[in-house]
């Protein structure tokens, strides 16, 4: 497992008689942007939910840095730096963008009533530090102009940027992105893609992303994992994936051209 941040080993998940994930195994290298693609119903999101502690696997294991993290609850994985986003953003709609960011870090003194009563200076100091960090995150993601906007009023793409920003408020090591491009216009998608690349190259973030847009996959991801019918079909570069006959047959379609957008 050396050189592998996350190892998925023979993971299965049954719902009744249906195997949503069927013996999936692959590794996510540190400091990589790994793409996870496949047709609807391939088991991608179910696998994400298992990795993130939302589902218990029927069998198999997940390792992080060689340590078995299978079945740990999301809050424990959060403390280890493993985070996930969702295809539909889960923002606090009535709070501002700044407040959404400041809500993220756990263990804040202000969350405890006694600290708020007896240590107000400590609480105020922490809040100032969080506010500074939120400003840095918004500047990085070019959403500083939205700081005081209620999150519920944001566009789909802006909400995806906010979710990415929330991962930056803690020491995230690996972030699982579920269809970050879904419903996002091309201009905002370029901003999101640029931010992901910058976080990966300059800040050492590791990403694994589910995505159907092969242009986004080609630009951001290496390696690319292909799933079909709950199994891992192949792993390779975006070019290798898009020219593989089985992948074209099962997912991309017979009319797909590796030089075309999809």
C-alpha atoms as a PDB file:
ATOM      1  CA  UNK A   1       0.000   0.000   0.000  1.00  0.00           C
ATOM      2  CA  UNK A   2       3.041   2.287  -0.112  1.00  0.00           C
ATOM      3  CA  UNK A   3       2.436   5.385  -2.175  1.00  0.00           C
ATOM      4  CA  UNK A   4      -1.320   4.908  -2.010  1.00  0.00           C
ATOM      5  CA  UNK A   5      -3.405   7.260   0.095  1.00  0.00           C
ATOM      6  CA  UNK A   6      -6.695   5.370  -0.328  1.00  0.00           C
ATOM      7  CA  UNK A   7      -7.015   1.670  -1.108  1.00  0.00           C
ATOM      8  CA  UNK A   8     -10.395   0.156  -1.994  1.00  0.00           C
ATOM      9  CA  UNK A   9     -10.164  -3.620  -1.609  1.00  0.00           C
ATOM     10  CA  UNK A  10     -12.828  -6.021  -2.962  1.00  0.00           C
ATOM     11  CA  UNK A  11     -15.717  -3.838  -1.822  1.00  0.00           C
ATOM     12  CA  UNK A  12     -19.233  -5.191  -2.283  1.00  0.00           C
ATOM     13  CA  UNK A  13     -22.580  -3.644  -1.412  1.00  0.00           C
ATOM     14  CA  UNK A  14     -25.883  -5.473  -1.711  1.00  0.00           C
ATOM     15  CA  UNK A  15     -29.337  -3.930  -1.565  1.00  0.00           C
ATOM     16  CA  UNK A  16     -31.622  -6.940  -1.276  1.00  0.00           C
ATOM     17  CA  UNK A  17     -30.613  -9.163  -4.171  1.00  0.00           C
ATOM     18  CA  UNK A  18     -28.920  -6.373  -6.126  1.00  0.00           C
ATOM     19  CA  UNK A  19     -25.145  -5.950  -6.042  1.00  0.00           C
ATOM     20  CA  UNK A  20     -24.708  -2.191  -6.432  1.00  0.00           C
ATOM     21  CA  UNK A  21     -20.947  -2.574  -5.951  1.00  0.00           C
ATOM     22  CA  UNK A  22     -19.460  -5.926  -6.857  1.00  0.00           C
ATOM     23  CA  UNK A  23     -15.873  -6.526  -5.742  1.00  0.00           C
ATOM     24  CA  UNK A  24     -14.481  -3.102  -6.646  1.00  0.00           C
ATOM     25  CA  UNK A  25     -10.751  -2.629  -6.039  1.00  0.00           C
ATOM     26  CA  UNK A  26      -8.467   0.279  -6.915  1.00  0.00           C
ATOM     27  CA  UNK A  27      -6.089   2.755  -5.330  1.00  0.00           C
ATOM     28  CA  UNK A  28      -6.042   6.554  -5.163  1.00  0.00           C
ATOM     29  CA  UNK A  29      -2.460   7.868  -5.210  1.00  0.00           C
ATOM     30  CA  UNK A  30      -1.580  10.844  -2.989  1.00  0.00           C
ATOM     31  CA  UNK A  31      -1.496  14.226  -4.752  1.00  0.00           C
ATOM     32  CA  UNK A  32      -3.507  12.861  -7.674  1.00  0.00           C
ATOM     33  CA  UNK A  33      -6.819  13.805  -9.263  1.00  0.00           C
ATOM     34  CA  UNK A  34      -8.448  10.438  -9.913  1.00  0.00           C
ATOM     35  CA  UNK A  35     -11.470  10.292 -12.188  1.00  0.00           C
ATOM     36  CA  UNK A  36     -14.278   7.781 -11.631  1.00  0.00           C
ATOM     37  CA  UNK A  37     -16.556   7.319 -14.628  1.00  0.00           C
ATOM     38  CA  UNK A  38     -19.175   4.878 -15.843  1.00  0.00           C
ATOM     39  CA  UNK A  39     -22.815   4.650 -16.893  1.00  0.00           C
ATOM     40  CA  UNK A  40     -25.668   5.489 -14.532  1.00  0.00           C
ATOM     41  CA  UNK A  41     -26.152   2.589 -12.142  1.00  0.00           C
ATOM     42  CA  UNK A  42     -22.483   1.564 -12.299  1.00  0.00           C
ATOM     43  CA  UNK A  43     -22.148   1.889  -8.504  1.00  0.00           C
ATOM     44  CA  UNK A  44     -20.002   5.028  -8.407  1.00  0.00           C
ATOM     45  CA  UNK A  45     -22.025   7.065  -5.910  1.00  0.00           C
ATOM     46  CA  UNK A  46     -22.728   3.993  -3.780  1.00  0.00           C
ATOM     47  CA  UNK A  47     -18.978   3.396  -3.588  1.00  0.00           C
ATOM     48  CA  UNK A  48     -18.416   7.050  -2.624  1.00  0.00           C
ATOM     49  CA  UNK A  49     -21.004   6.653   0.128  1.00  0.00           C
ATOM     50  CA  UNK A  50     -19.195   3.579   1.443  1.00  0.00           C
ATOM     51  CA  UNK A  51     -15.808   5.323   1.420  1.00  0.00           C
ATOM     52  CA  UNK A  52     -17.298   8.372   3.170  1.00  0.00           C
ATOM     53  CA  UNK A  53     -18.910   6.265   5.912  1.00  0.00           C
ATOM     54  CA  UNK A  54     -22.531   6.809   4.870  1.00  0.00           C
ATOM     55  CA  UNK A  55     -23.024   3.133   3.962  1.00  0.00           C
ATOM     56  CA  UNK A  56     -21.538   0.009   5.489  1.00  0.00           C
ATOM     57  CA  UNK A  57     -20.110  -2.354   2.855  1.00  0.00           C
ATOM     58  CA  UNK A  58     -21.485  -5.871   2.658  1.00  0.00           C
ATOM     59  CA  UNK A  59     -17.880  -7.018   2.361  1.00  0.00           C
ATOM     60  CA  UNK A  60     -14.456  -5.627   1.537  1.00  0.00           C
ATOM     61  CA  UNK A  61     -12.335  -2.912   3.090  1.00  0.00           C
ATOM     62  CA  UNK A  62     -11.211   0.709   2.724  1.00  0.00           C
ATOM     63  CA  UNK A  63      -7.722   1.730   3.842  1.00  0.00           C
ATOM     64  CA  UNK A  64      -6.238   5.203   4.329  1.00  0.00           C
ATOM     65  CA  UNK A  65      -2.461   5.309   4.680  1.00  0.00           C
ATOM     66  CA  UNK A  66      -2.598   1.561   5.263  1.00  0.00           C
ATOM     67  CA  UNK A  67      -5.038   1.891   8.185  1.00  0.00           C
ATOM     68  CA  UNK A  68      -8.415   0.175   7.929  1.00  0.00           C
ATOM     69  CA  UNK A  69     -11.107   2.896   7.963  1.00  0.00           C
ATOM     70  CA  UNK A  70     -13.979   0.679   6.813  1.00  0.00           C
ATOM     71  CA  UNK A  71     -17.266   1.702   8.380  1.00  0.00           C
ATOM     72  CA  UNK A  72     -15.952   4.685  10.330  1.00  0.00           C
ATOM     73  CA  UNK A  73     -18.648   7.370  10.694  1.00  0.00           C
ATOM     74  CA  UNK A  74     -18.338  10.523   8.587  1.00  0.00           C
ATOM     75  CA  UNK A  75     -17.313  12.728  11.533  1.00  0.00           C
ATOM     76  CA  UNK A  76     -14.307  10.498  12.274  1.00  0.00           C
ATOM     77  CA  UNK A  77     -13.308  10.482   8.611  1.00  0.00           C
ATOM     78  CA  UNK A  78     -13.721  14.271   8.590  1.00  0.00           C
ATOM     79  CA  UNK A  79     -11.210  14.487  11.448  1.00  0.00           C
ATOM     80  CA  UNK A  80      -8.798  12.376   9.392  1.00  0.00           C
ATOM     81  CA  UNK A  81      -9.103  14.783   6.454  1.00  0.00           C
ATOM     82  CA  UNK A  82     -11.387  12.660   4.252  1.00  0.00           C
ATOM     83  CA  UNK A  83     -14.269  14.774   2.918  1.00  0.00           C
ATOM     84  CA  UNK A  84     -16.891  14.410   0.212  1.00  0.00           C
ATOM     85  CA  UNK A  85     -19.185  16.752  -1.667  1.00  0.00           C
ATOM     86  CA  UNK A  86     -22.524  15.896  -3.237  1.00  0.00           C
ATOM     87  CA  UNK A  87     -24.012  16.194  -6.712  1.00  0.00           C
ATOM     88  CA  UNK A  88     -26.676  18.445  -5.160  1.00  0.00           C
ATOM     89  CA  UNK A  89     -24.888  20.963  -2.955  1.00  0.00           C
ATOM     90  CA  UNK A  90     -25.709  20.792   0.778  1.00  0.00           C
ATOM     91  CA  UNK A  91     -25.317  24.418   1.785  1.00  0.00           C
ATOM     92  CA  UNK A  92     -26.929  26.202   4.750  1.00  0.00           C
ATOM     93  CA  UNK A  93     -29.326  28.156   2.563  1.00  0.00           C
ATOM     94  CA  UNK A  94     -30.239  30.892   5.093  1.00  0.00           C
ATOM     95  CA  UNK A  95     -26.609  31.664   6.008  1.00  0.00           C
ATOM     96  CA  UNK A  96     -24.254  33.831   4.014  1.00  0.00           C
ATOM     97  CA  UNK A  97     -21.331  32.439   2.054  1.00  0.00           C
ATOM     98  CA  UNK A  98     -18.951  33.695   4.756  1.00  0.00           C
ATOM     99  CA  UNK A  99     -21.046  32.102   7.518  1.00  0.00           C
ATOM    100  CA  UNK A 100     -21.210  28.788   5.624  1.00  0.00           C
ATOM    101  CA  UNK A 101     -17.431  28.697   5.516  1.00  0.00           C
ATOM    102  CA  UNK A 102     -16.996  29.660   9.148  1.00  0.00           C
ATOM    103  CA  UNK A 103     -19.382  26.873  10.230  1.00  0.00           C
ATOM    104  CA  UNK A 104     -17.124  24.106   8.915  1.00  0.00           C
ATOM    105  CA  UNK A 105     -14.287  23.567  11.442  1.00  0.00           C
ATOM    106  CA  UNK A 106     -15.298  21.396  14.388  1.00  0.00           C
ATOM    107  CA  UNK A 107     -14.450  21.853  18.046  1.00  0.00           C
ATOM    108  CA  UNK A 108     -14.979  25.600  18.090  1.00  0.00           C
ATOM    109  CA  UNK A 109     -15.055  27.081  21.600  1.00  0.00           C
ATOM    110  CA  UNK A 110     -18.208  29.015  20.784  1.00  0.00           C
ATOM    111  CA  UNK A 111     -20.078  25.720  20.366  1.00  0.00           C
ATOM    112  CA  UNK A 112     -19.819  25.136  24.133  1.00  0.00           C
ATOM    113  CA  UNK A 113     -22.079  27.217  26.353  1.00  0.00           C
ATOM    114  CA  UNK A 114     -19.624  27.407  29.249  1.00  0.00           C
ATOM    115  CA  UNK A 115     -16.842  28.657  26.973  1.00  0.00           C
ATOM    116  CA  UNK A 116     -19.146  31.317  25.564  1.00  0.00           C
ATOM    117  CA  UNK A 117     -19.955  32.467  29.103  1.00  0.00           C
ATOM    118  CA  UNK A 118     -16.566  32.234  30.779  1.00  0.00           C
ATOM    119  CA  UNK A 119     -14.066  32.584  27.909  1.00  0.00           C
ATOM    120  CA  UNK A 120     -15.574  35.163  25.552  1.00  0.00           C
ATOM    121  CA  UNK A 121     -12.137  36.485  24.550  1.00  0.00           C
ATOM    122  CA  UNK A 122     -11.076  33.020  23.358  1.00  0.00           C
ATOM    123  CA  UNK A 123     -14.298  32.616  21.394  1.00  0.00           C
ATOM    124  CA  UNK A 124     -13.868  36.047  19.785  1.00  0.00           C
ATOM    125  CA  UNK A 125     -10.247  35.284  18.871  1.00  0.00           C
ATOM    126  CA  UNK A 126     -11.214  32.002  17.204  1.00  0.00           C
ATOM    127  CA  UNK A 127     -13.989  33.710  15.261  1.00  0.00           C
ATOM    128  CA  UNK A 128     -11.588  36.380  13.984  1.00  0.00           C
ATOM    129  CA  UNK A 129      -9.181  33.657  12.832  1.00  0.00           C
ATOM    130  CA  UNK A 130     -12.010  31.800  11.101  1.00  0.00           C
ATOM    131  CA  UNK A 131     -13.174  35.002   9.431  1.00  0.00           C
ATOM    132  CA  UNK A 132      -9.643  35.631   8.111  1.00  0.00           C
ATOM    133  CA  UNK A 133      -9.460  32.083   6.782  1.00  0.00           C
ATOM    134  CA  UNK A 134     -12.880  32.452   5.139  1.00  0.00           C
ATOM    135  CA  UNK A 135     -11.678  35.641   3.428  1.00  0.00           C
ATOM    136  CA  UNK A 136      -8.610  33.791   2.106  1.00  0.00           C
ATOM    137  CA  UNK A 137     -10.760  30.947   0.797  1.00  0.00           C
ATOM    138  CA  UNK A 138     -13.214  33.271  -0.943  1.00  0.00           C
ATOM    139  CA  UNK A 139     -10.334  35.188  -2.527  1.00  0.00           C
ATOM    140  CA  UNK A 140      -8.756  31.931  -3.727  1.00  0.00           C
ATOM    141  CA  UNK A 141     -12.036  30.802  -5.318  1.00  0.00           C
ATOM    142  CA  UNK A 142     -12.847  34.270  -6.725  1.00  0.00           C
ATOM    143  CA  UNK A 143     -16.149  34.450  -4.815  1.00  0.00           C
ATOM    144  CA  UNK A 144     -15.214  37.295  -2.473  1.00  0.00           C
ATOM    145  CA  UNK A 145     -17.988  39.405  -4.023  1.00  0.00           C
ATOM    146  CA  UNK A 146     -20.522  36.835  -2.743  1.00  0.00           C
ATOM    147  CA  UNK A 147     -19.365  36.937   0.893  1.00  0.00           C
ATOM    148  CA  UNK A 148     -22.605  38.422   2.252  1.00  0.00           C
ATOM    149  CA  UNK A 149     -24.970  36.668  -0.155  1.00  0.00           C
ATOM    150  CA  UNK A 150     -27.273  34.029   1.295  1.00  0.00           C
ATOM    151  CA  UNK A 151     -26.083  30.636   0.056  1.00  0.00           C
ATOM    152  CA  UNK A 152     -29.591  29.679  -1.026  1.00  0.00           C
ATOM    153  CA  UNK A 153     -29.506  32.465  -3.610  1.00  0.00           C
ATOM    154  CA  UNK A 154     -26.360  31.190  -5.351  1.00  0.00           C
ATOM    155  CA  UNK A 155     -26.350  29.558  -8.773  1.00  0.00           C
ATOM    156  CA  UNK A 156     -25.576  25.855  -9.065  1.00  0.00           C
ATOM    157  CA  UNK A 157     -21.976  26.550 -10.047  1.00  0.00           C
ATOM    158  CA  UNK A 158     -21.474  29.040  -7.229  1.00  0.00           C
ATOM    159  CA  UNK A 159     -22.792  26.461  -4.753  1.00  0.00           C
ATOM    160  CA  UNK A 160     -20.229  23.964  -6.067  1.00  0.00           C
ATOM    161  CA  UNK A 161     -17.499  26.551  -5.479  1.00  0.00           C
ATOM    162  CA  UNK A 162     -18.824  27.095  -1.960  1.00  0.00           C
ATOM    163  CA  UNK A 163     -18.685  23.340  -1.291  1.00  0.00           C
ATOM    164  CA  UNK A 164     -15.096  23.302  -2.526  1.00  0.00           C
ATOM    165  CA  UNK A 165     -14.386  26.251  -0.243  1.00  0.00           C
ATOM    166  CA  UNK A 166     -15.781  24.387   2.735  1.00  0.00           C
ATOM    167  CA  UNK A 167     -13.181  21.647   2.205  1.00  0.00           C
ATOM    168  CA  UNK A 168     -10.508  24.368   2.374  1.00  0.00           C
ATOM    169  CA  UNK A 169     -11.608  25.482   5.854  1.00  0.00           C
ATOM    170  CA  UNK A 170     -10.097  22.325   7.379  1.00  0.00           C
ATOM    171  CA  UNK A 171      -6.969  20.311   6.703  1.00  0.00           C
ATOM    172  CA  UNK A 172      -8.496  18.168   3.957  1.00  0.00           C
ATOM    173  CA  UNK A 173      -6.209  15.440   2.638  1.00  0.00           C
ATOM    174  CA  UNK A 174      -8.517  13.727   0.179  1.00  0.00           C
ATOM    175  CA  UNK A 175     -11.763  15.109  -1.225  1.00  0.00           C
ATOM    176  CA  UNK A 176     -14.378  13.039  -3.061  1.00  0.00           C
ATOM    177  CA  UNK A 177     -16.272  15.200  -5.558  1.00  0.00           C
ATOM    178  CA  UNK A 178     -19.609  13.886  -6.843  1.00  0.00           C
ATOM    179  CA  UNK A 179     -20.387  15.331 -10.299  1.00  0.00           C
ATOM    180  CA  UNK A 180     -18.889  18.730  -9.694  1.00  0.00           C
ATOM    181  CA  UNK A 181     -19.770  19.732 -13.271  1.00  0.00           C
ATOM    182  CA  UNK A 182     -23.480  18.825 -13.101  1.00  0.00           C
ATOM    183  CA  UNK A 183     -25.635  21.827 -13.997  1.00  0.00           C
ATOM    184  CA  UNK A 184     -22.674  24.221 -14.085  1.00  0.00           C
ATOM    185  CA  UNK A 185     -22.168  26.657 -16.948  1.00  0.00           C
ATOM    186  CA  UNK A 186     -18.855  26.428 -18.868  1.00  0.00           C
ATOM    187  CA  UNK A 187     -17.419  29.667 -17.441  1.00  0.00           C
ATOM    188  CA  UNK A 188     -17.950  28.641 -13.814  1.00  0.00           C
ATOM    189  CA  UNK A 189     -16.815  25.102 -14.595  1.00  0.00           C
ATOM    190  CA  UNK A 190     -13.500  26.504 -15.810  1.00  0.00           C
ATOM    191  CA  UNK A 191     -13.169  28.402 -12.518  1.00  0.00           C
ATOM    192  CA  UNK A 192     -13.965  25.239 -10.545  1.00  0.00           C
ATOM    193  CA  UNK A 193     -11.505  23.219 -12.627  1.00  0.00           C
ATOM    194  CA  UNK A 194      -8.776  25.838 -12.201  1.00  0.00           C
ATOM    195  CA  UNK A 195      -9.365  25.797  -8.424  1.00  0.00           C
ATOM    196  CA  UNK A 196      -9.147  22.004  -8.258  1.00  0.00           C
ATOM    197  CA  UNK A 197      -5.889  22.007 -10.225  1.00  0.00           C
ATOM    198  CA  UNK A 198      -4.419  24.764  -8.059  1.00  0.00           C
ATOM    199  CA  UNK A 199      -5.383  22.997  -4.830  1.00  0.00           C
ATOM    200  CA  UNK A 200      -3.836  19.802  -6.162  1.00  0.00           C
ATOM    201  CA  UNK A 201      -0.607  21.297  -7.506  1.00  0.00           C
ATOM    202  CA  UNK A 202       0.082  24.029  -4.963  1.00  0.00           C
ATOM    203  CA  UNK A 203      -1.536  22.717  -1.786  1.00  0.00           C
ATOM    204  CA  UNK A 204      -1.158  18.947  -2.150  1.00  0.00           C
ATOM    205  CA  UNK A 205      -4.864  18.090  -2.174  1.00  0.00           C
ATOM    206  CA  UNK A 206      -5.826  14.626  -3.401  1.00  0.00           C
ATOM    207  CA  UNK A 207      -9.112  14.397  -5.282  1.00  0.00           C
ATOM    208  CA  UNK A 208     -11.306  11.601  -6.571  1.00  0.00           C
ATOM    209  CA  UNK A 209     -14.160  12.806  -8.739  1.00  0.00           C
ATOM    210  CA  UNK A 210     -17.227  11.253 -10.335  1.00  0.00           C
ATOM    211  CA  UNK A 211     -17.906  13.029 -13.607  1.00  0.00           C
ATOM    212  CA  UNK A 212     -19.739  12.329 -16.885  1.00  0.00           C
ATOM    213  CA  UNK A 213     -18.182  15.164 -18.894  1.00  0.00           C
ATOM    214  CA  UNK A 214     -15.177  13.610 -20.621  1.00  0.00           C
ATOM    215  CA  UNK A 215     -13.734  17.021 -21.455  1.00  0.00           C
ATOM    216  CA  UNK A 216     -13.489  17.749 -17.712  1.00  0.00           C
ATOM    217  CA  UNK A 217     -12.074  14.277 -17.051  1.00  0.00           C
ATOM    218  CA  UNK A 218      -9.466  14.714 -19.791  1.00  0.00           C
ATOM    219  CA  UNK A 219      -8.404  18.101 -18.466  1.00  0.00           C
ATOM    220  CA  UNK A 220      -8.184  17.242 -14.771  1.00  0.00           C
ATOM    221  CA  UNK A 221      -7.816  13.524 -14.141  1.00  0.00           C
ATOM    222  CA  UNK A 222      -5.064  10.945 -14.096  1.00  0.00           C
ATOM    223  CA  UNK A 223      -5.644   8.112 -13.533  1.00  0.00           C
ATOM    224  CA  UNK A 224      -9.206   7.418 -14.680  1.00  0.00           C
ATOM    225  CA  UNK A 225     -11.153   4.463 -13.234  1.00  0.00           C
ATOM    226  CA  UNK A 226     -14.072   3.035 -15.222  1.00  0.00           C
ATOM    227  CA  UNK A 227     -16.906   1.218 -13.424  1.00  0.00           C
ATOM    228  CA  UNK A 228     -19.713  -0.786 -14.987  1.00  0.00           C
ATOM    229  CA  UNK A 229     -22.304  -3.011 -13.299  1.00  0.00           C
ATOM    230  CA  UNK A 230     -20.663  -2.509  -9.906  1.00  0.00           C
ATOM    231  CA  UNK A 231     -17.225  -3.653 -11.078  1.00  0.00           C
ATOM    232  CA  UNK A 232     -14.035  -1.874 -12.087  1.00  0.00           C
ATOM    233  CA  UNK A 233     -13.798  -2.290 -15.847  1.00  0.00           C
ATOM    234  CA  UNK A 234     -10.382  -0.685 -16.378  1.00  0.00           C
ATOM    235  CA  UNK A 235      -7.922   1.954 -15.211  1.00  0.00           C
ATOM    236  CA  UNK A 236      -5.722   4.172 -17.357  1.00  0.00           C
ATOM    237  CA  UNK A 237      -5.178   7.626 -18.758  1.00  0.00           C
ATOM    238  CA  UNK A 238      -8.122   9.540 -20.190  1.00  0.00           C
ATOM    239  CA  UNK A 239      -6.870   8.774 -23.707  1.00  0.00           C
ATOM    240  CA  UNK A 240      -6.548   5.054 -22.952  1.00  0.00           C
ATOM    241  CA  UNK A 241     -10.035   4.988 -21.474  1.00  0.00           C
ATOM    242  CA  UNK A 242     -11.623   6.809 -24.400  1.00  0.00           C
ATOM    243  CA  UNK A 243     -10.045   4.458 -26.949  1.00  0.00           C
ATOM    244  CA  UNK A 244     -10.846   1.229 -25.102  1.00  0.00           C
ATOM    245  CA  UNK A 245     -13.418  -0.832 -27.010  1.00  0.00           C
ATOM    246  CA  UNK A 246     -15.161  -2.148 -23.881  1.00  0.00           C
ATOM    247  CA  UNK A 247     -15.519   1.362 -22.430  1.00  0.00           C
ATOM    248  CA  UNK A 248     -16.874   2.720 -25.698  1.00  0.00           C
ATOM    249  CA  UNK A 249     -19.348  -0.169 -25.912  1.00  0.00           C
ATOM    250  CA  UNK A 250     -20.563  -0.037 -22.286  1.00  0.00           C
ATOM    251  CA  UNK A 251     -20.422   3.686 -21.578  1.00  0.00           C
ATOM    252  CA  UNK A 252     -19.344   6.166 -24.230  1.00  0.00           C
ATOM    253  CA  UNK A 253     -21.387   4.735 -27.107  1.00  0.00           C
ATOM    254  CA  UNK A 254     -20.403   3.464 -30.523  1.00  0.00           C
ATOM    255  CA  UNK A 255     -20.563   6.942 -32.056  1.00  0.00           C
ATOM    256  CA  UNK A 256     -18.056   8.399 -29.591  1.00  0.00           C
ATOM    257  CA  UNK A 257     -14.861   9.939 -30.948  1.00  0.00           C
ATOM    258  CA  UNK A 258     -11.888  10.393 -28.587  1.00  0.00           C
ATOM    259  CA  UNK A 259     -11.366  13.844 -30.035  1.00  0.00           C
ATOM    260  CA  UNK A 260     -14.949  14.945 -29.394  1.00  0.00           C
ATOM    261  CA  UNK A 261     -16.574  16.441 -26.331  1.00  0.00           C
ATOM    262  CA  UNK A 262     -19.276  14.498 -24.494  1.00  0.00           C
END
